Amino acid sequence: MADHLAQVTWYLLDQVDVRLSEFFNLINGNGWQSMDEI
């Protein structure tokens, strides 16, 4: 049971990490450039 719980935990953390990466890429790619233009 513990192993399964660990797998689920790592899976969820991996999903969150992907979301955060996309979020930061969006900010770094678009947000800061737009703010510099203003």
PDB file of N, CA and C in Angstrom:
ATOM      1  N   MET A   1       0.835  -1.209   0.000  1.00  0.00           N
ATOM      2  CA  MET A   1       0.000   0.000   0.000  1.00  0.00           C
ATOM      3  C   MET A   1       0.864   1.251   0.000  1.00  0.00           C
ATOM      4  N   ALA A   2       1.919   1.206   0.783  1.00  0.00           N
ATOM      5  CA  ALA A   2       2.792   2.371   0.866  1.00  0.00           C
ATOM      6  C   ALA A   2       3.441   2.666  -0.488  1.00  0.00           C
ATOM      7  N   ASP A   3       3.832   1.596  -1.184  1.00  0.00           N
ATOM      8  CA  ASP A   3       4.460   1.795  -2.492  1.00  0.00           C
ATOM      9  C   ASP A   3       3.484   2.440  -3.472  1.00  0.00           C
ATOM     10  N   HIS A   4       2.240   1.983  -3.429  1.00  0.00           N
ATOM     11  CA  HIS A   4       1.232   2.547  -4.321  1.00  0.00           C
ATOM     12  C   HIS A   4       1.010   4.020  -3.991  1.00  0.00           C
ATOM     13  N   LEU A   5       0.943   4.325  -2.706  1.00  0.00           N
ATOM     14  CA  LEU A   5       0.737   5.708  -2.283  1.00  0.00           C
ATOM     15  C   LEU A   5       1.901   6.580  -2.744  1.00  0.00           C
ATOM     16  N   ALA A   6       3.106   6.044  -2.652  1.00  0.00           N
ATOM     17  CA  ALA A   6       4.283   6.788  -3.098  1.00  0.00           C
ATOM     18  C   ALA A   6       4.219   7.038  -4.599  1.00  0.00           C
ATOM     19  N   GLN A   7       3.790   6.029  -5.361  1.00  0.00           N
ATOM     20  CA  GLN A   7       3.679   6.198  -6.813  1.00  0.00           C
ATOM     21  C   GLN A   7       2.666   7.276  -7.161  1.00  0.00           C
ATOM     22  N   VAL A   8       1.533   7.250  -6.474  1.00  0.00           N
ATOM     23  CA  VAL A   8       0.498   8.256  -6.723  1.00  0.00           C
ATOM     24  C   VAL A   8       1.012   9.643  -6.361  1.00  0.00           C
ATOM     25  N   THR A   9       1.710   9.731  -5.234  1.00  0.00           N
ATOM     26  CA  THR A   9       2.251  11.017  -4.794  1.00  0.00           C
ATOM     27  C   THR A   9       3.233  11.573  -5.812  1.00  0.00           C
ATOM     28  N   TRP A  10       4.150  10.722  -6.275  1.00  0.00           N
ATOM     29  CA  TRP A  10       5.135  11.181  -7.265  1.00  0.00           C
ATOM     30  C   TRP A  10       4.453  11.573  -8.567  1.00  0.00           C
ATOM     31  N   TYR A  11       3.416  10.828  -8.945  1.00  0.00           N
ATOM     32  CA  TYR A  11       2.685  11.149 -10.167  1.00  0.00           C
ATOM     33  C   TYR A  11       2.040  12.528 -10.062  1.00  0.00           C
ATOM     34  N   LEU A  12       1.394  12.785  -8.925  1.00  0.00           N
ATOM     35  CA  LEU A  12       0.741  14.079  -8.731  1.00  0.00           C
ATOM     36  C   LEU A  12       1.762  15.210  -8.698  1.00  0.00           C
ATOM     37  N   LEU A  13       2.886  14.976  -8.026  1.00  0.00           N
ATOM     38  CA  LEU A  13       3.931  15.994  -7.977  1.00  0.00           C
ATOM     39  C   LEU A  13       4.461  16.276  -9.371  1.00  0.00           C
ATOM     40  N   ASP A  14       4.587  15.221 -10.182  1.00  0.00           N
ATOM     41  CA  ASP A  14       5.074  15.390 -11.545  1.00  0.00           C
ATOM     42  C   ASP A  14       4.091  16.215 -12.364  1.00  0.00           C
ATOM     43  N   GLN A  15       2.791  15.968 -12.180  1.00  0.00           N
ATOM     44  CA  GLN A  15       1.772  16.735 -12.886  1.00  0.00           C
ATOM     45  C   GLN A  15       1.830  18.205 -12.482  1.00  0.00           C
ATOM     46  N   VAL A  16       1.980  18.453 -11.192  1.00  0.00           N
ATOM     47  CA  VAL A  16       2.065  19.831 -10.699  1.00  0.00           C
ATOM     48  C   VAL A  16       3.303  20.509 -11.266  1.00  0.00           C
ATOM     49  N   ASP A  17       4.419  19.770 -11.324  1.00  0.00           N
ATOM     50  CA  ASP A  17       5.665  20.326 -11.826  1.00  0.00           C
ATOM     51  C   ASP A  17       5.521  20.733 -13.290  1.00  0.00           C
ATOM     52  N   VAL A  18       4.816  19.919 -14.065  1.00  0.00           N
ATOM     53  CA  VAL A  18       4.582  20.245 -15.472  1.00  0.00           C
ATOM     54  C   VAL A  18       3.736  21.508 -15.586  1.00  0.00           C
ATOM     55  N   ARG A  19       2.690  21.604 -14.769  1.00  0.00           N
ATOM     56  CA  ARG A  19       1.826  22.779 -14.792  1.00  0.00           C
ATOM     57  C   ARG A  19       2.625  24.035 -14.437  1.00  0.00           C
ATOM     58  N   LEU A  20       3.461  23.927 -13.395  1.00  0.00           N
ATOM     59  CA  LEU A  20       4.267  25.069 -12.976  1.00  0.00           C
ATOM     60  C   LEU A  20       5.246  25.465 -14.065  1.00  0.00           C
ATOM     61  N   SER A  21       5.830  24.477 -14.737  1.00  0.00           N
ATOM     62  CA  SER A  21       6.776  24.772 -15.808  1.00  0.00           C
ATOM     63  C   SER A  21       6.084  25.534 -16.931  1.00  0.00           C
ATOM     64  N   GLU A  22       4.892  25.074 -17.309  1.00  0.00           N
ATOM     65  CA  GLU A  22       4.138  25.760 -18.355  1.00  0.00           C
ATOM     66  C   GLU A  22       3.778  27.170 -17.916  1.00  0.00           C
ATOM     67  N   PHE A  23       3.409  27.309 -16.633  1.00  0.00           N
ATOM     68  CA  PHE A  23       3.033  28.607 -16.091  1.00  0.00           C
ATOM     69  C   PHE A  23       4.203  29.583 -16.147  1.00  0.00           C
ATOM     70  N   PHE A  24       5.384  29.130 -15.703  1.00  0.00           N
ATOM     71  CA  PHE A  24       6.554  30.000 -15.708  1.00  0.00           C
ATOM     72  C   PHE A  24       7.019  30.302 -17.125  1.00  0.00           C
ATOM     73  N   ASN A  25       6.891  29.337 -18.027  1.00  0.00           N
ATOM     74  CA  ASN A  25       7.251  29.586 -19.418  1.00  0.00           C
ATOM     75  C   ASN A  25       6.344  30.658 -20.006  1.00  0.00           C
ATOM     76  N   LEU A  26       5.066  30.616 -19.643  1.00  0.00           N
ATOM     77  CA  LEU A  26       4.115  31.606 -20.132  1.00  0.00           C
ATOM     78  C   LEU A  26       4.498  32.990 -19.620  1.00  0.00           C
ATOM     79  N   ILE A  27       4.835  33.068 -18.330  1.00  0.00           N
ATOM     80  CA  ILE A  27       5.233  34.342 -17.736  1.00  0.00           C
ATOM     81  C   ILE A  27       6.526  34.849 -18.369  1.00  0.00           C
ATOM     82  N   ASN A  28       7.522  33.984 -18.429  1.00  0.00           N
ATOM     83  CA  ASN A  28       8.821  34.394 -18.951  1.00  0.00           C
ATOM     84  C   ASN A  28       8.754  34.706 -20.439  1.00  0.00           C
ATOM     85  N   GLY A  29       7.935  33.955 -21.175  1.00  0.00           N
ATOM     86  CA  GLY A  29       7.854  34.129 -22.616  1.00  0.00           C
ATOM     87  C   GLY A  29       7.043  35.348 -23.009  1.00  0.00           C
ATOM     88  N   ASN A  30       5.939  35.596 -22.309  1.00  0.00           N
ATOM     89  CA  ASN A  30       5.018  36.645 -22.721  1.00  0.00           C
ATOM     90  C   ASN A  30       4.920  37.788 -21.719  1.00  0.00           C
ATOM     91  N   GLY A  31       4.714  37.436 -20.458  1.00  0.00           N
ATOM     92  CA  GLY A  31       4.431  38.437 -19.435  1.00  0.00           C
ATOM     93  C   GLY A  31       5.505  39.488 -19.293  1.00  0.00           C
ATOM     94  N   TRP A  32       6.744  39.048 -19.094  1.00  0.00           N
ATOM     95  CA  TRP A  32       7.794  40.026 -18.827  1.00  0.00           C
ATOM     96  C   TRP A  32       8.068  40.884 -20.051  1.00  0.00           C
ATOM     97  N   GLN A  33       8.011  40.277 -21.238  1.00  0.00           N
ATOM     98  CA  GLN A  33       8.246  41.056 -22.447  1.00  0.00           C
ATOM     99  C   GLN A  33       7.182  42.139 -22.598  1.00  0.00           C
ATOM    100  N   SER A  34       5.938  41.767 -22.314  1.00  0.00           N
ATOM    101  CA  SER A  34       4.849  42.728 -22.423  1.00  0.00           C
ATOM    102  C   SER A  34       5.041  43.865 -21.425  1.00  0.00           C
ATOM    103  N   MET A  35       5.502  43.529 -20.222  1.00  0.00           N
ATOM    104  CA  MET A  35       5.693  44.554 -19.209  1.00  0.00           C
ATOM    105  C   MET A  35       6.857  45.462 -19.579  1.00  0.00           C
ATOM    106  N   ASP A  36       7.884  44.909 -20.223  1.00  0.00           N
ATOM    107  CA  ASP A  36       9.017  45.734 -20.639  1.00  0.00           C
ATOM    108  C   ASP A  36       8.587  46.732 -21.708  1.00  0.00           C
ATOM    109  N   GLU A  37       7.671  46.321 -22.572  1.00  0.00           N
ATOM    110  CA  GLU A  37       7.212  47.205 -23.636  1.00  0.00           C
ATOM    111  C   GLU A  37       6.443  48.384 -23.070  1.00  0.00           C
ATOM    112  N   ILE A  38       5.741  48.159 -21.964  1.00  0.00           N
ATOM    113  CA  ILE A  38       5.001  49.247 -21.319  1.00  0.00           C
ATOM    114  C   ILE A  38       6.002  50.093 -20.595  1.00  0.00           C
TER     115      ILE A  38
END
